[in-house]
C-alpha atoms as a PDB file:
ATOM      1  CA  ILE A   1      -6.544 -16.064  26.866  1.00  0.00           C
ATOM      2  CA  ASN A   2      -7.786 -19.207  28.257  1.00  0.00           C
ATOM      3  CA  ASP A   3     -10.726 -19.053  25.777  1.00  0.00           C
ATOM      4  CA  ILE A   4      -8.387 -18.540  22.506  1.00  0.00           C
ATOM      5  CA  ILE A   5      -5.468 -20.709  23.116  1.00  0.00           C
ATOM      6  CA  PRO A   6      -6.534 -24.435  22.798  1.00  0.00           C
ATOM      7  CA  TYR A   7      -3.839 -25.518  25.298  1.00  0.00           C
ATOM      8  CA  ASN A   8      -2.420 -24.574  28.841  1.00  0.00           C
ATOM      9  CA  PRO A   9      -1.684 -20.708  28.580  1.00  0.00           C
ATOM     10  CA  THR A  10       1.910 -20.735  29.870  1.00  0.00           C
ATOM     11  CA  ALA A  11       4.240 -17.841  28.896  1.00  0.00           C
ATOM     12  CA  GLU A  12       6.025 -20.189  26.459  1.00  0.00           C
ATOM     13  CA  ASN A  13       2.741 -21.545  24.931  1.00  0.00           C
ATOM     14  CA  ILE A  14       1.353 -17.745  24.502  1.00  0.00           C
ATOM     15  CA  ALA A  15       4.863 -16.750  22.792  1.00  0.00           C
ATOM     16  CA  ARG A  16       4.693 -19.653  20.493  1.00  0.00           C
ATOM     17  CA  TRP A  17       0.968 -19.258  19.578  1.00  0.00           C
ATOM     18  CA  VAL A  18       1.821 -15.535  18.900  1.00  0.00           C
ATOM     19  CA  VAL A  19       4.700 -16.337  16.558  1.00  0.00           C
ATOM     20  CA  ASN A  20       2.336 -19.055  14.684  1.00  0.00           C
ATOM     21  CA  GLN A  21      -0.699 -16.592  14.415  1.00  0.00           C
ATOM     22  CA  PHE A  22       1.149 -13.819  12.523  1.00  0.00           C
ATOM     23  CA  GLU A  23       3.002 -14.529   9.195  1.00  0.00           C
ATOM     24  CA  GLU A  24       5.233 -11.755   9.739  1.00  0.00           C
ATOM     25  CA  CYS A  25       6.071 -12.286  13.341  1.00  0.00           C
ATOM     26  CA  TYR A  26       9.065 -14.489  13.671  1.00  0.00           C
ATOM     27  CA  LYS A  27      10.265 -13.625  17.452  1.00  0.00           C
ATOM     28  CA  VAL A  28       7.822 -13.057  20.700  1.00  0.00           C
ATOM     29  CA  GLU A  29       8.910 -12.589  23.999  1.00  0.00           C
ATOM     30  CA  VAL A  30       6.217 -12.726  26.925  1.00  0.00           C
ATOM     31  CA  ARG A  31       7.356 -11.267  30.418  1.00  0.00           C
ATOM     32  CA  GLU A  32       5.686 -13.022  33.420  1.00  0.00           C
ATOM     33  CA  SER A  33       7.732 -11.089  35.891  1.00  0.00           C
ATOM     34  CA  GLU A  34      10.689  -9.090  35.954  1.00  0.00           C
ATOM     35  CA  GLY A  35      13.547 -11.306  34.970  1.00  0.00           C
ATOM     36  CA  ASN A  36      11.338 -14.134  33.943  1.00  0.00           C
ATOM     37  CA  VAL A  37      10.954 -14.013  30.120  1.00  0.00           C
ATOM     38  CA  ALA A  38       9.705 -16.819  27.720  1.00  0.00           C
ATOM     39  CA  GLN A  39      10.613 -16.442  24.167  1.00  0.00           C
ATOM     40  CA  ALA A  40       9.373 -17.858  20.964  1.00  0.00           C
ATOM     41  CA  ILE A  41      11.424 -17.834  17.668  1.00  0.00           C
ATOM     42  CA  ASP A  42      10.483 -19.363  14.214  1.00  0.00           C
ATOM     43  CA  GLU A  43      13.662 -19.287  12.325  1.00  0.00           C
ATOM     44  CA  THR A  44      11.949 -20.304   9.267  1.00  0.00           C
ATOM     45  CA  LYS A  45      10.333 -16.890   9.140  1.00  0.00           C
ATOM     46  CA  ILE A  46      13.923 -15.059   9.026  1.00  0.00           C
ATOM     47  CA  VAL A  47      14.726 -13.988   5.826  1.00  0.00           C
ATOM     48  CA  GLY A  48      18.538 -14.002   4.982  1.00  0.00           C
ATOM     49  CA  ILE A  49      19.060 -16.531   8.069  1.00  0.00           C
ATOM     50  CA  GLU A  50      21.757 -18.446   6.477  1.00  0.00           C
ATOM     51  CA  ASN A  51      23.880 -15.250   6.294  1.00  0.00           C
ATOM     52  CA  LEU A  52      23.720 -14.585  10.046  1.00  0.00           C
ATOM     53  CA  VAL A  53      26.564 -15.149  12.294  1.00  0.00           C
ATOM     54  CA  MET A  54      25.557 -16.507  15.534  1.00  0.00           C
END
């Protein structure tokens, strides 16, 4: 991973990198350990997001 990602490969950065690499991917979770999860979401890729109730 150090040779692929052009910045510090933290769980947060890995999740963000994966979301940015794949057009169909809008959400990624990277688990560093049990109970420790980094998440990246690209809301611009979610079709119909304007209709979601959060």
